[in-house]
PDB file of all heavy atoms in Angstrom:
ATOM      1  N   GLY A   1      41.843 135.790-117.023  1.00  0.00           N
ATOM      2  CA  GLY A   1      42.056 135.019-118.245  1.00  0.00           C
ATOM      3  C   GLY A   1      42.809 133.732-117.994  1.00  0.00           C
ATOM      4  O   GLY A   1      42.492 132.684-118.574  1.00  0.00           O
ATOM      5  N   SER A   2      43.825 133.780-117.124  1.00  0.00           N
ATOM      6  CA  SER A   2      44.613 132.579-116.827  1.00  0.00           C
ATOM      7  C   SER A   2      43.770 131.531-116.102  1.00  0.00           C
ATOM      8  O   SER A   2      43.795 130.344-116.461  1.00  0.00           O
ATOM      9  CB  SER A   2      45.825 132.948-115.967  1.00  0.00           C
ATOM     10  OG  SER A   2      46.749 133.721-116.703  1.00  0.00           O
ATOM     11  N   VAL A   3      43.034 131.947-115.081  1.00  0.00           N
ATOM     12  CA  VAL A   3      42.240 130.999-114.300  1.00  0.00           C
ATOM     13  C   VAL A   3      41.115 130.408-115.151  1.00  0.00           C
ATOM     14  O   VAL A   3      40.919 129.182-115.195  1.00  0.00           O
ATOM     15  CB  VAL A   3      41.671 131.681-113.037  1.00  0.00           C
ATOM     16  CG1 VAL A   3      40.707 130.748-112.315  1.00  0.00           C
ATOM     17  CG2 VAL A   3      42.802 132.103-112.111  1.00  0.00           C
ATOM     18  N   GLY A   4      40.368 131.277-115.842  1.00  0.00           N
ATOM     19  CA  GLY A   4      39.268 130.777-116.676  1.00  0.00           C
ATOM     20  C   GLY A   4      39.760 129.908-117.813  1.00  0.00           C
ATOM     21  O   GLY A   4      39.163 128.861-118.119  1.00  0.00           O
ATOM     22  N   GLY A   5      40.868 130.310-118.452  1.00  0.00           N
ATOM     23  CA  GLY A   5      41.421 129.511-119.545  1.00  0.00           C
ATOM     24  C   GLY A   5      41.948 128.172-119.073  1.00  0.00           C
ATOM     25  O   GLY A   5      41.779 127.150-119.750  1.00  0.00           O
ATOM     26  N   ALA A   6      42.589 128.150-117.895  1.00  0.00           N
ATOM     27  CA  ALA A   6      43.125 126.897-117.369  1.00  0.00           C
ATOM     28  C   ALA A   6      42.007 125.909-117.052  1.00  0.00           C
ATOM     29  O   ALA A   6      42.098 124.720-117.389  1.00  0.00           O
ATOM     30  CB  ALA A   6      43.950 127.173-116.110  1.00  0.00           C
ATOM     31  N   ILE A   7      40.938 126.392-116.426  1.00  0.00           N
ATOM     32  CA  ILE A   7      39.809 125.507-116.107  1.00  0.00           C
ATOM     33  C   ILE A   7      39.222 124.907-117.375  1.00  0.00           C
ATOM     34  O   ILE A   7      38.945 123.695-117.456  1.00  0.00           O
ATOM     35  CB  ILE A   7      38.733 126.277-115.314  1.00  0.00           C
ATOM     36  CG1 ILE A   7      39.273 126.647-113.923  1.00  0.00           C
ATOM     37  CG2 ILE A   7      37.454 125.457-115.189  1.00  0.00           C
ATOM     38  CD1 ILE A   7      38.355 127.565-113.138  1.00  0.00           C
ATOM     39  N   SER A   8      39.052 125.742-118.411  1.00  0.00           N
ATOM     40  CA  SER A   8      38.480 125.259-119.676  1.00  0.00           C
ATOM     41  C   SER A   8      39.362 124.199-120.310  1.00  0.00           C
ATOM     42  O   SER A   8      38.881 123.149-120.763  1.00  0.00           O
ATOM     43  CB  SER A   8      38.293 126.439-120.640  1.00  0.00           C
ATOM     44  OG  SER A   8      37.428 127.425-120.093  1.00  0.00           O
ATOM     45  N   MET A   9      40.679 124.455-120.335  1.00  0.00           N
ATOM     46  CA  MET A   9      41.599 123.491-120.937  1.00  0.00           C
ATOM     47  C   MET A   9      41.663 122.187-120.144  1.00  0.00           C
ATOM     48  O   MET A   9      41.738 121.092-120.726  1.00  0.00           O
ATOM     49  CB  MET A   9      42.996 124.104-121.056  1.00  0.00           C
ATOM     50  CG  MET A   9      43.157 125.100-122.191  1.00  0.00           C
ATOM     51  SD  MET A   9      43.271 124.252-123.788  1.00  0.00           S
ATOM     52  CE  MET A   9      43.768 125.588-124.867  1.00  0.00           C
ATOM     53  N   TYR A  10      41.643 122.269-118.816  1.00  0.00           N
ATOM     54  CA  TYR A  10      41.663 121.055-117.998  1.00  0.00           C
ATOM     55  C   TYR A  10      40.428 120.197-118.257  1.00  0.00           C
ATOM     56  O   TYR A  10      40.512 118.958-118.296  1.00  0.00           O
ATOM     57  CB  TYR A  10      41.735 121.414-116.513  1.00  0.00           C
ATOM     58  CG  TYR A  10      43.136 121.651-115.998  1.00  0.00           C
ATOM     59  CD1 TYR A  10      43.433 122.785-115.249  1.00  0.00           C
ATOM     60  CD2 TYR A  10      44.161 120.735-116.247  1.00  0.00           C
ATOM     61  CE1 TYR A  10      44.719 123.014-114.770  1.00  0.00           C
ATOM     62  CE2 TYR A  10      45.443 120.947-115.777  1.00  0.00           C
ATOM     63  CZ  TYR A  10      45.725 122.095-115.044  1.00  0.00           C
ATOM     64  OH  TYR A  10      47.002 122.300-114.578  1.00  0.00           O
ATOM     65  N   ILE A  11      39.284 120.835-118.436  1.00  0.00           N
ATOM     66  CA  ILE A  11      38.051 120.080-118.702  1.00  0.00           C
ATOM     67  C   ILE A  11      38.135 119.365-120.051  1.00  0.00           C
ATOM     68  O   ILE A  11      37.778 118.180-120.176  1.00  0.00           O
ATOM     69  CB  ILE A  11      36.832 121.015-118.644  1.00  0.00           C
ATOM     70  CG1 ILE A  11      36.601 121.481-117.200  1.00  0.00           C
ATOM     71  CG2 ILE A  11      35.576 120.316-119.193  1.00  0.00           C
ATOM     72  CD1 ILE A  11      35.514 122.508-117.049  1.00  0.00           C
ATOM     73  N   ILE A  12      38.640 120.056-121.075  1.00  0.00           N
ATOM     74  CA  ILE A  12      38.781 119.420-122.396  1.00  0.00           C
ATOM     75  C   ILE A  12      39.767 118.262-122.311  1.00  0.00           C
ATOM     76  O   ILE A  12      39.519 117.157-122.826  1.00  0.00           O
ATOM     77  CB  ILE A  12      39.250 120.448-123.444  1.00  0.00           C
ATOM     78  CG1 ILE A  12      38.223 121.573-123.596  1.00  0.00           C
ATOM     79  CG2 ILE A  12      39.469 119.760-124.800  1.00  0.00           C
ATOM     80  CD1 ILE A  12      38.705 122.725-124.458  1.00  0.00           C
ATOM     81  N   GLY A  13      40.927 118.485-121.652  1.00  0.00           N
ATOM     82  CA  GLY A  13      41.915 117.427-121.512  1.00  0.00           C
ATOM     83  C   GLY A  13      41.379 116.237-120.742  1.00  0.00           C
ATOM     84  O   GLY A  13      41.648 115.076-121.087  1.00  0.00           O
ATOM     85  N   GLY A  14      40.575 116.510-119.689  1.00  0.00           N
ATOM     86  CA  GLY A  14      39.981 115.423-118.922  1.00  0.00           C
ATOM     87  C   GLY A  14      39.010 114.606-119.745  1.00  0.00           C
ATOM     88  O   GLY A  14      38.964 113.367-119.646  1.00  0.00           O
ATOM     89  N   TYR A  15      38.229 115.276-120.599  1.00  0.00           N
ATOM     90  CA  TYR A  15      37.284 114.573-121.475  1.00  0.00           C
ATOM     91  C   TYR A  15      38.028 113.649-122.433  1.00  0.00           C
ATOM     92  O   TYR A  15      37.646 112.480-122.625  1.00  0.00           O
ATOM     93  CB  TYR A  15      36.451 115.595-122.239  1.00  0.00           C
ATOM     94  CG  TYR A  15      35.736 115.039-123.448  1.00  0.00           C
ATOM     95  CD1 TYR A  15      34.677 114.139-123.305  1.00  0.00           C
ATOM     96  CD2 TYR A  15      36.118 115.418-124.736  1.00  0.00           C
ATOM     97  CE1 TYR A  15      34.025 113.632-124.425  1.00  0.00           C
ATOM     98  CE2 TYR A  15      35.479 114.918-125.850  1.00  0.00           C
ATOM     99  CZ  TYR A  15      34.429 114.020-125.692  1.00  0.00           C
ATOM    100  OH  TYR A  15      33.789 113.515-126.801  1.00  0.00           O
ATOM    101  N   LEU A  16      39.119 114.150-123.023  1.00  0.00           N
ATOM    102  CA  LEU A  16      39.880 113.329-123.971  1.00  0.00           C
ATOM    103  C   LEU A  16      40.602 112.190-123.253  1.00  0.00           C
ATOM    104  O   LEU A  16      40.698 111.073-123.774  1.00  0.00           O
ATOM    105  CB  LEU A  16      40.889 114.200-124.720  1.00  0.00           C
ATOM    106  CG  LEU A  16      40.302 115.301-125.609  1.00  0.00           C
ATOM    107  CD1 LEU A  16      41.423 116.119-126.251  1.00  0.00           C
ATOM    108  CD2 LEU A  16      39.400 114.724-126.688  1.00  0.00           C
ATOM    109  N   ALA A  17      41.105 112.463-122.047  1.00  0.00           N
ATOM    110  CA  ALA A  17      41.817 111.423-121.300  1.00  0.00           C
ATOM    111  C   ALA A  17      40.892 110.297-120.856  1.00  0.00           C
ATOM    112  O   ALA A  17      41.341 109.152-120.682  1.00  0.00           O
ATOM    113  CB  ALA A  17      42.497 112.039-120.081  1.00  0.00           C
ATOM    114  N   ALA A  18      39.599 110.622-120.691  1.00  0.00           N
ATOM    115  CA  ALA A  18      38.640 109.598-120.254  1.00  0.00           C
ATOM    116  C   ALA A  18      38.416 108.536-121.316  1.00  0.00           C
ATOM    117  O   ALA A  18      37.887 107.454-121.022  1.00  0.00           O
ATOM    118  CB  ALA A  18      37.317 110.242-119.877  1.00  0.00           C
ATOM    119  N   GLY A  19      38.772 108.835-122.564  1.00  0.00           N
ATOM    120  CA  GLY A  19      38.681 107.836-123.633  1.00  0.00           C
ATOM    121  C   GLY A  19      37.300 107.663-124.221  1.00  0.00           C
ATOM    122  O   GLY A  19      37.033 106.663-124.880  1.00  0.00           O
ATOM    123  N   ASP A  20      36.390 108.633-124.010  1.00  0.00           N
ATOM    124  CA  ASP A  20      35.037 108.512-124.539  1.00  0.00           C
ATOM    125  C   ASP A  20      34.910 109.058-125.962  1.00  0.00           C
ATOM    126  O   ASP A  20      33.837 109.009-126.555  1.00  0.00           O
ATOM    127  CB  ASP A  20      34.057 109.268-123.631  1.00  0.00           C
ATOM    128  CG  ASP A  20      33.967 108.642-122.244  1.00  0.00           C
ATOM    129  OD1 ASP A  20      34.221 107.425-122.160  1.00  0.00           O
ATOM    130  OD2 ASP A  20      33.655 109.354-121.286  1.00  0.00           O
ATOM    131  N   VAL A  21      35.994 109.581-126.502  1.00  0.00           N
ATOM    132  CA  VAL A  21      35.941 110.144-127.848  1.00  0.00           C
ATOM    133  C   VAL A  21      36.010 109.009-128.860  1.00  0.00           C
ATOM    134  O   VAL A  21      36.825 108.090-128.716  1.00  0.00           O
ATOM    135  CB  VAL A  21      37.123 111.114-128.077  1.00  0.00           C
ATOM    136  CG1 VAL A  21      36.964 111.834-129.404  1.00  0.00           C
ATOM    137  CG2 VAL A  21      37.219 112.093-126.928  1.00  0.00           C
ATOM    138  N   PRO A  22      35.155 109.023-129.909  1.00  0.00           N
ATOM    139  CA  PRO A  22      35.225 107.969-130.933  1.00  0.00           C
ATOM    140  C   PRO A  22      36.610 107.890-131.555  1.00  0.00           C
ATOM    141  O   PRO A  22      37.292 108.899-131.726  1.00  0.00           O
ATOM    142  CB  PRO A  22      34.169 108.410-131.956  1.00  0.00           C
ATOM    143  CG  PRO A  22      33.243 109.298-131.202  1.00  0.00           C
ATOM    144  CD  PRO A  22      34.078 109.982-130.166  1.00  0.00           C
ATOM    145  N   ALA A  23      37.038 106.676-131.871  1.00  0.00           N
ATOM    146  CA  ALA A  23      38.370 106.485-132.456  1.00  0.00           C
ATOM    147  C   ALA A  23      38.506 107.220-133.776  1.00  0.00           C
ATOM    148  O   ALA A  23      39.568 107.726-134.122  1.00  0.00           O
ATOM    149  CB  ALA A  23      38.641 104.995-132.642  1.00  0.00           C
ATOM    150  N   VAL A  24      37.397 107.293-134.533  1.00  0.00           N
ATOM    151  CA  VAL A  24      37.380 108.004-135.802  1.00  0.00           C
ATOM    152  C   VAL A  24      36.354 109.125-135.689  1.00  0.00           C
ATOM    153  O   VAL A  24      35.207 108.880-135.283  1.00  0.00           O
ATOM    154  CB  VAL A  24      37.023 107.072-136.981  1.00  0.00           C
ATOM    155  CG1 VAL A  24      36.976 107.869-138.284  1.00  0.00           C
ATOM    156  CG2 VAL A  24      38.032 105.938-137.074  1.00  0.00           C
ATOM    157  N   ALA A  25      36.767 110.344-136.018  1.00  0.00           N
ATOM    158  CA  ALA A  25      35.853 111.471-135.918  1.00  0.00           C
ATOM    159  C   ALA A  25      34.650 111.275-136.828  1.00  0.00           C
ATOM    160  O   ALA A  25      34.777 110.847-137.975  1.00  0.00           O
ATOM    161  CB  ALA A  25      36.578 112.763-136.288  1.00  0.00           C
ATOM    162  N   THR A  26      33.476 111.562-136.299  1.00  0.00           N
ATOM    163  CA  THR A  26      32.244 111.408-137.060  1.00  0.00           C
ATOM    164  C   THR A  26      31.556 112.762-137.185  1.00  0.00           C
ATOM    165  O   THR A  26      31.970 113.752-136.603  1.00  0.00           O
ATOM    166  CB  THR A  26      31.306 110.426-136.352  1.00  0.00           C
ATOM    167  OG1 THR A  26      31.004 110.939-135.040  1.00  0.00           O
ATOM    168  CG2 THR A  26      31.959 109.061-136.212  1.00  0.00           C
ATOM    169  N   GLY A  27      30.489 112.768-137.951  1.00  0.00           N
ATOM    170  CA  GLY A  27      29.774 114.018-138.162  1.00  0.00           C
ATOM    171  C   GLY A  27      29.014 114.483-136.942  1.00  0.00           C
ATOM    172  O   GLY A  27      28.780 115.675-136.772  1.00  0.00           O
ATOM    173  N   ASP A  28      28.596 113.560-136.075  1.00  0.00           N
ATOM    174  CA  ASP A  28      27.800 113.899-134.900  1.00  0.00           C
ATOM    175  C   ASP A  28      28.671 113.783-133.649  1.00  0.00           C
ATOM    176  O   ASP A  28      29.204 112.716-133.343  1.00  0.00           O
ATOM    177  CB  ASP A  28      26.585 112.977-134.784  1.00  0.00           C
ATOM    178  CG  ASP A  28      25.640 113.132-135.975  1.00  0.00           C
ATOM    179  OD1 ASP A  28      25.482 114.283-136.434  1.00  0.00           O
ATOM    180  OD2 ASP A  28      25.087 112.111-136.422  1.00  0.00           O
ATOM    181  N   LEU A  29      28.771 114.892-132.905  1.00  0.00           N
ATOM    182  CA  LEU A  29      29.535 114.870-131.669  1.00  0.00           C
ATOM    183  C   LEU A  29      28.691 114.277-130.548  1.00  0.00           C
ATOM    184  O   LEU A  29      27.500 114.590-130.431  1.00  0.00           O
ATOM    185  CB  LEU A  29      29.955 116.292-131.279  1.00  0.00           C
ATOM    186  CG  LEU A  29      31.110 116.928-132.058  1.00  0.00           C
ATOM    187  CD1 LEU A  29      31.291 118.380-131.626  1.00  0.00           C
ATOM    188  CD2 LEU A  29      32.390 116.158-131.837  1.00  0.00           C
ATOM    189  N   PRO A  30      29.269 113.417-129.693  1.00  0.00           N
ATOM    190  CA  PRO A  30      28.556 112.952-128.504  1.00  0.00           C
ATOM    191  C   PRO A  30      28.376 114.110-127.535  1.00  0.00           C
ATOM    192  O   PRO A  30      28.994 115.173-127.691  1.00  0.00           O
ATOM    193  CB  PRO A  30      29.491 111.872-127.947  1.00  0.00           C
ATOM    194  CG  PRO A  30      30.844 112.248-128.436  1.00  0.00           C
ATOM    195  CD  PRO A  30      30.631 112.870-129.794  1.00  0.00           C
ATOM    196  N   PRO A  31      27.527 113.954-126.516  1.00  0.00           N
ATOM    197  CA  PRO A  31      27.325 115.036-125.547  1.00  0.00           C
ATOM    198  C   PRO A  31      28.619 115.553-124.941  1.00  0.00           C
ATOM    199  O   PRO A  31      28.789 116.762-124.750  1.00  0.00           O
ATOM    200  CB  PRO A  31      26.421 114.385-124.488  1.00  0.00           C
ATOM    201  CG  PRO A  31      25.682 113.325-125.237  1.00  0.00           C
ATOM    202  CD  PRO A  31      26.642 112.800-126.258  1.00  0.00           C
ATOM    203  N   GLY A  32      29.549 114.635-124.646  1.00  0.00           N
ATOM    204  CA  GLY A  32      30.839 115.076-124.102  1.00  0.00           C
ATOM    205  C   GLY A  32      31.604 115.935-125.086  1.00  0.00           C
ATOM    206  O   GLY A  32      32.277 116.897-124.703  1.00  0.00           O
ATOM    207  N   GLY A  33      31.518 115.603-126.378  1.00  0.00           N
ATOM    208  CA  GLY A  33      32.193 116.391-127.402  1.00  0.00           C
ATOM    209  C   GLY A  33      31.596 117.783-127.529  1.00  0.00           C
ATOM    210  O   GLY A  33      32.309 118.768-127.723  1.00  0.00           O
ATOM    211  N   ILE A  34      30.263 117.858-127.411  1.00  0.00           N
ATOM    212  CA  ILE A  34      29.598 119.174-127.458  1.00  0.00           C
ATOM    213  C   ILE A  34      30.045 120.027-126.271  1.00  0.00           C
ATOM    214  O   ILE A  34      30.325 121.226-126.421  1.00  0.00           O
ATOM    215  CB  ILE A  34      28.068 118.992-127.459  1.00  0.00           C
ATOM    216  CG1 ILE A  34      27.633 118.288-128.746  1.00  0.00           C
ATOM    217  CG2 ILE A  34      27.371 120.336-127.315  1.00  0.00           C
ATOM    218  CD1 ILE A  34      26.165 117.921-128.773  1.00  0.00           C
ATOM    219  N   ALA A  35      30.131 119.394-125.090  1.00  0.00           N
ATOM    220  CA  ALA A  35      30.613 120.117-123.911  1.00  0.00           C
ATOM    221  C   ALA A  35      32.050 120.584-124.117  1.00  0.00           C
ATOM    222  O   ALA A  35      32.425 121.707-123.736  1.00  0.00           O
ATOM    223  CB  ALA A  35      30.502 119.234-122.680  1.00  0.00           C
ATOM    224  N   ALA A  36      32.882 119.724-124.731  1.00  0.00           N
ATOM    225  CA  ALA A  36      34.277 120.101-124.984  1.00  0.00           C
ATOM    226  C   ALA A  36      34.350 121.291-125.934  1.00  0.00           C
ATOM    227  O   ALA A  36      35.174 122.204-125.744  1.00  0.00           O
ATOM    228  CB  ALA A  36      35.042 118.907-125.547  1.00  0.00           C
TER     229      ALA A  36
END
């Protein structure tokens, strides 16, 4: 649980840190958002 949970959280944090998330949340998630 720790290893799998850590990998999942690191991936989400990396996606958000990359800055590809729209400044304002919209109804349609980009591919990166769907992966997150």
